[in-house]
């Protein structure tokens, strides 16, 4: 015979009371530990919905903490589909915002250079012939060109390579199918040395620019071509002097030399220019066509312009700016291990730092960026205070 165990109602109530008390003590202990420098007790804080939301917020903030890059010999980093691409001299890997490895491939590309466009990743050999293409996390092409690569860019339609011509021309622009490696044509340049190519007009054309040396004076030659690869450009301009830095918005371009900037519209008509006694260290262009220029000389400052070239704001800084990264209408102004975030009107919206010698910033969107140093990375939320 099995004796049935009877539990008295009073003891059940007591056990439930003790269990609930323990849960509340643990819950409050967790909250205090997460906010130990600002302990405040009020009836709003005791609201269970507020407590749950606070717990979720604190947990989310902790989940985007820094992660180590170990001893990787990093050549370049970039954002790709919400994750961090890390390129070294021997491999390429994709890391999640928590530092977990999504995929990993070795490569045989010496002196690798990284180029990303949408779902495409191109790794090519600087002054070499090898390249590799990754699409949606899978290697779709590994191949070599007949000529050495000076610059490369990937698009949905083709790979664009500027190569050092072996046919008597100064440069060759090659169009290669991104998944098969089949040649789609070539553009032969015989009057200047293009060193940069950029897809423009929603990938319906491309801009090619470089060094002109047909006279005793050095010049910069800028040309826009249709994507069909027709030999005649649809727009062209030659500017006296060297302007090695280019940025663009949806329809305009800004070129920077040592102490002068040139601002062109989509047809390469000069809209405005400005010349400085100080040296230009970085430039950027916003989606709304405003621009920002960093200067270093007797003073260091950041100057914001509207699309007509009128100065909106000038801000003196303590340190020389190393680079400027733009996403839509947000600028990341980088110096050393620190970054200042501005909107296109020059309003400071946030600042951050990460220990290290140099800092790279990669935007995921208007609210989040990867901050990357030599050995560490963090997914940072821009506060827009």
Protein backbone atom coordinates (compact mmCIF):
# COMPACT_ATOMS: atom_id res chain seq x y z
CA UNK A 1 0.00 0.00 0.00
CA UNK A 2 1.30 3.40 -0.95
CA UNK A 3 0.73 6.14 1.60
CA UNK A 4 -0.44 9.40 0.12
CA UNK A 5 1.67 12.38 1.30
CA UNK A 6 -0.38 15.29 2.49
CA UNK A 7 0.94 18.84 2.25
CA UNK A 8 -0.65 21.35 4.57
CA UNK A 9 -1.93 24.58 2.86
CA UNK A 10 -0.06 26.78 5.33
CA UNK A 11 3.30 25.25 4.44
CA UNK A 12 2.60 25.69 0.67
CA UNK A 13 1.89 29.40 1.14
CA UNK A 14 5.07 29.79 3.19
CA UNK A 15 7.22 28.10 0.53
CA UNK A 16 5.74 30.24 -2.25
CA UNK A 17 6.38 33.39 -0.18
CA UNK A 18 10.01 32.40 0.44
CA UNK A 19 10.54 31.57 -3.29
CA UNK A 20 9.10 34.91 -4.45
CA UNK A 21 11.25 36.76 -1.89
CA UNK A 22 14.41 35.03 -3.12
CA UNK A 23 13.59 35.87 -6.76
CA UNK A 24 13.05 39.55 -5.87
CA UNK A 25 16.29 39.70 -3.88
CA UNK A 26 18.27 38.19 -6.77
CA UNK A 27 16.54 40.46 -9.30
CA UNK A 28 17.32 43.63 -7.31
CA UNK A 29 20.89 42.43 -6.72
CA UNK A 30 21.36 42.11 -10.49
CA UNK A 31 19.98 45.60 -11.08
CA UNK A 32 22.21 47.12 -8.40
CA UNK A 33 25.27 45.39 -9.83
CA UNK A 34 24.49 46.77 -13.28
CA UNK A 35 24.11 50.30 -11.97
CA UNK A 36 26.12 50.31 -8.79
CA UNK A 37 27.20 53.97 -9.05
CA UNK A 38 23.63 55.30 -9.26
CA UNK A 39 21.44 53.36 -6.83
CA UNK A 40 17.95 54.85 -6.67
CA UNK A 41 14.81 53.28 -5.22
CA UNK A 42 11.36 54.59 -6.11
CA UNK A 43 7.94 53.27 -7.03
CA UNK A 44 8.63 53.70 -10.76
CA UNK A 45 11.73 51.56 -10.34
CA UNK A 46 9.62 48.91 -8.62
CA UNK A 47 7.27 48.72 -11.62
CA UNK A 48 7.81 45.25 -13.06
CA UNK A 49 7.58 46.45 -16.71
CA UNK A 50 10.22 49.12 -16.07
CA UNK A 51 12.48 46.57 -14.41
CA UNK A 52 12.19 44.17 -17.35
CA UNK A 53 12.90 46.94 -19.90
CA UNK A 54 15.90 48.12 -17.89
CA UNK A 55 17.23 44.58 -17.73
CA UNK A 56 16.79 44.16 -21.51
CA UNK A 57 18.56 47.49 -22.20
CA UNK A 58 21.52 46.74 -19.95
CA UNK A 59 21.85 43.25 -21.43
CA UNK A 60 21.79 44.63 -24.99
CA UNK A 61 24.48 47.16 -24.16
CA UNK A 62 26.67 44.48 -22.67
CA UNK A 63 26.21 42.22 -25.72
CA UNK A 64 27.79 44.86 -27.97
CA UNK A 65 31.00 45.00 -25.93
CA UNK A 66 34.52 44.92 -27.28
CA UNK A 67 36.01 41.75 -28.72
CA UNK A 68 39.63 40.89 -29.31
CA UNK A 69 41.20 40.54 -32.76
CA UNK A 70 44.03 38.56 -31.22
CA UNK A 71 47.35 38.59 -33.03
CA UNK A 72 45.88 38.90 -36.53
CA UNK A 73 48.24 40.63 -38.96
CA UNK A 74 45.54 43.00 -40.19
CA UNK A 75 45.86 44.67 -43.60
CA UNK A 76 42.35 46.15 -43.81
CA UNK A 77 38.97 46.02 -42.10
CA UNK A 78 35.51 46.89 -43.41
CA UNK A 79 31.79 46.52 -42.70
CA UNK A 80 29.91 43.83 -44.65
CA UNK A 81 26.22 43.02 -44.16
CA UNK A 82 26.30 44.12 -40.52
CA UNK A 83 29.50 42.23 -39.72
CA UNK A 84 33.23 43.03 -39.69
CA UNK A 85 35.54 41.87 -42.50
CA UNK A 86 39.16 41.40 -41.43
CA UNK A 87 41.75 41.01 -44.19
CA UNK A 88 45.29 39.86 -43.46
CA UNK A 89 48.20 38.99 -45.73
CA UNK A 90 47.16 35.33 -45.64
CA UNK A 91 43.41 35.11 -45.05
CA UNK A 92 40.09 36.91 -44.93
CA UNK A 93 37.39 36.34 -42.33
CA UNK A 94 33.98 37.67 -41.36
CA UNK A 95 33.29 38.34 -37.69
CA UNK A 96 29.88 38.96 -36.12
CA UNK A 97 29.32 42.01 -33.86
CA UNK A 98 30.17 39.72 -30.93
CA UNK A 99 33.46 38.61 -32.49
CA UNK A 100 32.23 35.17 -33.55
CA UNK A 101 33.64 33.85 -36.84
CA UNK A 102 30.98 33.66 -39.58
CA UNK A 103 33.29 32.41 -42.34
CA UNK A 104 36.99 32.21 -43.09
CA UNK A 105 39.13 31.70 -46.24
CA UNK A 106 42.83 31.67 -46.92
CA UNK A 107 44.15 33.44 -50.01
CA UNK A 108 47.31 33.62 -52.11
CA UNK A 109 47.02 37.31 -52.96
CA UNK A 110 50.24 39.13 -52.11
CA UNK A 111 49.89 42.71 -50.78
CA UNK A 112 46.07 42.33 -50.73
CA UNK A 113 43.66 45.24 -51.17
CA UNK A 114 39.99 45.05 -50.15
CA UNK A 115 37.04 46.47 -52.09
CA UNK A 116 33.38 45.93 -51.08
CA UNK A 117 30.16 46.81 -52.90
CA UNK A 118 26.84 45.43 -51.64
CA UNK A 119 26.99 41.61 -51.53
CA UNK A 120 30.35 41.53 -53.36
CA UNK A 121 33.87 41.41 -51.89
CA UNK A 122 36.96 41.83 -54.08
CA UNK A 123 40.49 41.10 -52.86
CA UNK A 124 43.19 41.97 -55.38
CA UNK A 125 46.96 42.14 -55.48
CA UNK A 126 48.43 45.64 -55.43
CA UNK A 127 50.87 45.82 -58.37
CA UNK A 128 50.25 42.12 -59.01
CA UNK A 129 47.91 39.98 -61.10
CA UNK A 130 45.94 37.82 -58.65
CA UNK A 131 42.44 38.47 -57.34
CA UNK A 132 39.59 36.73 -55.51
CA UNK A 133 35.84 37.42 -55.48
CA UNK A 134 33.46 36.53 -52.63
CA UNK A 135 29.68 36.77 -52.97
CA UNK A 136 27.30 36.22 -50.05
CA UNK A 137 30.04 34.53 -48.03
CA UNK A 138 31.21 32.11 -50.77
CA UNK A 139 34.30 32.30 -52.96
CA UNK A 140 32.97 32.47 -56.54
CA UNK A 141 36.17 33.31 -58.41
CA UNK A 142 39.94 33.10 -58.00
CA UNK A 143 41.92 34.17 -61.04
CA UNK A 144 44.75 36.23 -62.53
CA UNK A 145 44.97 39.01 -65.09
CA UNK A 146 47.56 39.30 -67.83
CA UNK A 147 48.66 42.71 -66.57
CA UNK A 148 49.51 44.11 -63.13
CA UNK A 149 46.65 45.71 -61.21
CA UNK A 150 46.89 49.38 -60.18
CA UNK A 151 43.32 49.63 -58.84
CA UNK A 152 40.18 47.48 -58.69
CA UNK A 153 36.48 47.83 -57.91
CA UNK A 154 33.62 45.32 -57.89
CA UNK A 155 30.04 45.93 -59.08
CA UNK A 156 26.98 43.81 -59.84
CA UNK A 157 27.77 44.04 -63.55
CA UNK A 158 31.54 43.64 -63.71
CA UNK A 159 34.92 43.93 -62.05
CA UNK A 160 36.71 47.13 -63.00
CA UNK A 161 40.50 46.89 -63.04
CA UNK A 162 42.96 49.62 -63.95
CA UNK A 163 46.06 47.75 -65.13
CA UNK A 164 49.57 48.76 -66.15
CA UNK A 165 49.32 48.28 -69.89
CA UNK A 166 51.68 45.99 -71.75
CA UNK A 167 50.38 47.09 -75.18
CA UNK A 168 52.06 50.47 -75.43
CA UNK A 169 49.27 52.39 -73.68
CA UNK A 170 49.60 54.19 -70.38
CA UNK A 171 46.79 52.23 -68.73
CA UNK A 172 44.09 49.68 -69.57
CA UNK A 173 40.65 49.61 -67.93
CA UNK A 174 39.42 46.00 -67.91
CA UNK A 175 35.81 44.84 -67.54
CA UNK A 176 35.61 41.31 -66.11
CA UNK A 177 32.53 39.17 -65.34
CA UNK A 178 32.54 38.90 -61.51
CA UNK A 179 31.55 35.21 -61.30
CA UNK A 180 33.21 33.70 -64.38
CA UNK A 181 36.30 35.84 -64.97
CA UNK A 182 35.37 36.26 -68.66
CA UNK A 183 36.57 39.50 -70.25
CA UNK A 184 33.72 41.85 -71.14
CA UNK A 185 35.92 44.39 -72.90
CA UNK A 186 38.65 46.93 -72.28
CA UNK A 187 39.25 50.66 -72.49
CA UNK A 188 42.76 51.71 -73.54
CA UNK A 189 44.07 55.03 -72.16
CA UNK A 190 46.98 56.63 -73.99
CA UNK A 191 47.06 60.27 -72.79
CA UNK A 192 47.22 60.09 -68.97
CA UNK A 193 47.70 57.74 -66.01
CA UNK A 194 44.37 56.97 -64.31
CA UNK A 195 44.83 55.59 -60.80
CA UNK A 196 41.26 55.54 -59.44
CA UNK A 197 37.84 54.43 -60.70
CA UNK A 198 34.46 54.91 -59.04
CA UNK A 199 30.99 53.80 -60.09
CA UNK A 200 28.61 56.77 -60.31
CA UNK A 201 25.02 57.61 -61.23
CA UNK A 202 23.61 54.52 -59.51
CA UNK A 203 26.12 52.26 -61.29
CA UNK A 204 25.02 53.50 -64.73
CA UNK A 205 28.49 54.92 -65.36
CA UNK A 206 31.94 55.25 -63.85
CA UNK A 207 34.36 58.05 -63.09
CA UNK A 208 38.01 57.64 -63.99
CA UNK A 209 40.69 60.04 -62.89
CA UNK A 210 44.43 60.27 -62.56
CA UNK A 211 47.68 62.00 -63.41
CA UNK A 212 48.21 64.04 -66.58
CA UNK A 213 51.80 64.70 -67.72
CA UNK A 214 51.51 66.02 -71.25
CA UNK A 215 53.17 69.32 -70.37
CA UNK A 216 55.75 70.62 -67.94
CA UNK A 217 52.95 71.07 -65.38
CA UNK A 218 51.28 68.20 -63.57
CA UNK A 219 47.50 68.07 -63.90
CA UNK A 220 44.58 65.94 -62.76
CA UNK A 221 42.34 64.54 -65.51
CA UNK A 222 38.78 63.53 -64.59
CA UNK A 223 36.42 61.72 -66.97
CA UNK A 224 32.97 60.14 -66.73
CA UNK A 225 32.11 57.21 -69.00
CA UNK A 226 28.97 55.22 -69.67
CA UNK A 227 29.05 51.74 -68.18
CA UNK A 228 28.93 50.21 -71.66
CA UNK A 229 32.63 50.97 -71.95
CA UNK A 230 32.37 53.37 -74.87
CA UNK A 231 35.72 54.96 -75.65
CA UNK A 232 34.47 58.56 -75.58
CA UNK A 233 33.71 60.05 -72.15
CA UNK A 234 30.40 61.81 -71.57
CA UNK A 235 32.11 64.46 -69.42
CA UNK A 236 35.74 65.48 -68.97
CA UNK A 237 37.80 68.12 -67.18
CA UNK A 238 41.50 68.80 -66.59
CA UNK A 239 42.54 70.64 -63.43
CA UNK A 240 46.00 72.10 -62.96
CA UNK A 241 47.76 70.49 -60.02
CA UNK A 242 47.46 67.18 -58.21
CA UNK A 243 44.19 66.23 -56.46
CA UNK A 244 44.64 62.66 -55.21
CA UNK A 245 41.63 62.55 -52.84
CA UNK A 246 38.08 62.21 -54.15
CA UNK A 247 34.69 61.97 -52.43
CA UNK A 248 31.23 61.97 -53.95
CA UNK A 249 27.55 62.18 -53.04
CA UNK A 250 24.67 61.06 -55.24
CA UNK A 251 25.36 63.69 -57.86
CA UNK A 252 28.41 65.81 -56.95
CA UNK A 253 32.16 65.34 -56.50
CA UNK A 254 34.84 66.96 -54.35
CA UNK A 255 38.56 66.64 -55.12
CA UNK A 256 41.28 67.65 -52.67
CA UNK A 257 44.90 68.58 -53.22
CA UNK A 258 47.48 69.76 -50.72
CA UNK A 259 45.75 73.07 -49.98
CA UNK A 260 42.84 73.43 -52.43
CA UNK A 261 39.48 71.74 -53.00
CA UNK A 262 37.43 71.57 -56.21
CA UNK A 263 33.68 70.87 -56.11
CA UNK A 264 32.00 69.62 -59.33
CA UNK A 265 28.44 68.71 -60.29
CA UNK A 266 27.48 65.46 -62.04
CA UNK A 267 28.52 66.88 -65.44
CA UNK A 268 31.93 67.98 -64.08
CA UNK A 269 31.00 71.66 -64.09
CA UNK A 270 32.94 73.48 -61.36
CA UNK A 271 30.44 74.62 -58.72
CA UNK A 272 32.88 76.11 -56.23
CA UNK A 273 36.46 75.88 -54.98
CA UNK A 274 38.45 77.05 -51.99
CA UNK A 275 42.16 77.50 -51.32
CA UNK A 276 43.88 77.51 -47.91
CA UNK A 277 47.16 78.54 -46.37
CA UNK A 278 46.96 75.39 -44.20
CA UNK A 279 47.39 71.81 -45.39
CA UNK A 280 44.33 69.66 -46.11
CA UNK A 281 44.41 66.40 -44.13
CA UNK A 282 40.97 64.95 -44.97
CA UNK A 283 37.73 65.72 -46.82
CA UNK A 284 34.23 64.29 -46.92
CA UNK A 285 30.92 64.82 -48.72
CA UNK A 286 27.46 64.23 -47.25
CA UNK A 287 24.38 62.80 -48.93
CA UNK A 288 22.75 66.26 -48.83
CA UNK A 289 25.78 67.58 -50.84
CA UNK A 290 27.30 69.49 -47.92
CA UNK A 291 31.05 69.00 -47.50
CA UNK A 292 33.63 68.97 -44.70
CA UNK A 293 37.35 69.79 -44.91
CA UNK A 294 39.95 69.17 -42.19
CA UNK A 295 42.94 71.53 -42.10
CA UNK A 296 46.27 71.49 -40.25
CA UNK A 297 48.68 74.40 -39.93
CA UNK A 298 49.09 77.22 -37.44
CA UNK A 299 45.74 75.96 -36.13
CA UNK A 300 43.89 72.71 -36.75
CA UNK A 301 40.22 72.98 -37.66
CA UNK A 302 37.26 71.40 -39.41
CA UNK A 303 35.29 73.50 -41.90
CA UNK A 304 31.73 72.64 -43.04
CA UNK A 305 30.31 73.92 -46.35
CA UNK A 306 26.90 73.82 -47.99
CA UNK A 307 26.50 72.69 -51.61
CA UNK A 308 26.99 76.26 -52.88
CA UNK A 309 30.38 76.56 -51.16
CA UNK A 310 29.25 78.84 -48.33
CA UNK A 311 31.01 78.12 -45.04
CA UNK A 312 28.48 76.86 -42.49
CA UNK A 313 30.73 76.29 -39.51
CA UNK A 314 34.41 76.25 -38.57
CA UNK A 315 35.56 74.29 -35.52
CA UNK A 316 39.06 74.43 -34.05
CA UNK A 317 40.45 71.12 -32.78
CA UNK A 318 43.33 70.21 -30.51
CA UNK A 319 44.70 67.48 -32.79
CA UNK A 320 45.34 67.07 -36.49
CA UNK A 321 42.60 65.04 -38.20
CA UNK A 322 43.78 61.83 -39.86
CA UNK A 323 40.67 60.80 -41.80
CA UNK A 324 36.95 61.41 -42.25
CA UNK A 325 34.38 58.67 -42.87
CA UNK A 326 30.92 59.64 -44.13
CA UNK A 327 27.64 57.73 -43.98
CA UNK A 328 24.67 59.58 -45.46
CA UNK A 329 24.63 62.80 -43.38
CA UNK A 330 26.88 61.68 -40.51
CA UNK A 331 30.65 62.23 -40.38
CA UNK A 332 33.17 60.33 -38.27
CA UNK A 333 36.17 62.65 -37.80
CA UNK A 334 39.12 60.53 -36.66
CA UNK A 335 42.34 61.50 -34.88
CA UNK A 336 44.56 59.02 -33.09
CA UNK A 337 42.42 56.67 -31.02
CA UNK A 338 39.46 59.07 -30.86
CA UNK A 339 36.51 59.92 -33.12
CA UNK A 340 34.10 62.85 -33.19
CA UNK A 341 30.66 62.41 -34.81
CA UNK A 342 29.08 65.39 -36.58
CA UNK A 343 25.97 65.93 -38.68
CA UNK A 344 26.22 67.74 -42.02
CA UNK A 345 25.63 71.16 -40.39
CA UNK A 346 28.66 70.75 -38.12
CA UNK A 347 26.75 69.89 -34.95
CA UNK A 348 28.68 67.53 -32.65
CA UNK A 349 26.43 64.56 -31.88
CA UNK A 350 28.78 62.14 -30.09
CA UNK A 351 32.39 61.16 -29.45
CA UNK A 352 34.15 57.91 -28.64
CA UNK A 353 37.59 56.36 -28.24
CA UNK A 354 39.23 52.94 -28.31
CA UNK A 355 42.71 52.24 -26.90
CA UNK A 356 45.32 51.84 -29.62
CA UNK A 357 47.58 53.74 -31.98
CA UNK A 358 45.13 54.12 -34.86
CA UNK A 359 41.36 53.94 -35.09
CA UNK A 360 39.20 52.82 -38.02
CA UNK A 361 35.48 53.54 -38.15
CA UNK A 362 33.03 51.51 -40.28
CA UNK A 363 29.36 52.53 -40.42
CA UNK A 364 26.60 49.91 -40.32
CA UNK A 365 23.91 52.59 -40.44
CA UNK A 366 23.19 56.02 -38.95
CA UNK A 367 23.08 54.62 -35.43
CA UNK A 368 25.85 52.03 -35.20
CA UNK A 369 29.52 51.81 -36.18
CA UNK A 370 32.40 49.40 -35.74
CA UNK A 371 35.34 51.00 -33.94
CA UNK A 372 38.49 49.02 -34.77
CA UNK A 373 42.02 49.36 -33.38
CA UNK A 374 45.07 47.17 -33.99
CA UNK A 375 43.92 44.39 -31.65
CA UNK A 376 40.33 45.16 -30.67
CA UNK A 377 36.91 46.01 -32.11
CA UNK A 378 33.61 47.19 -30.68
CA UNK A 379 30.12 47.76 -32.05
CA UNK A 380 29.32 51.29 -30.87
CA UNK A 381 25.89 52.96 -30.66
CA UNK A 382 25.94 56.65 -31.64
CA UNK A 383 24.03 58.58 -29.00
CA UNK A 384 23.11 61.69 -31.08
CA UNK A 385 22.91 63.71 -27.85
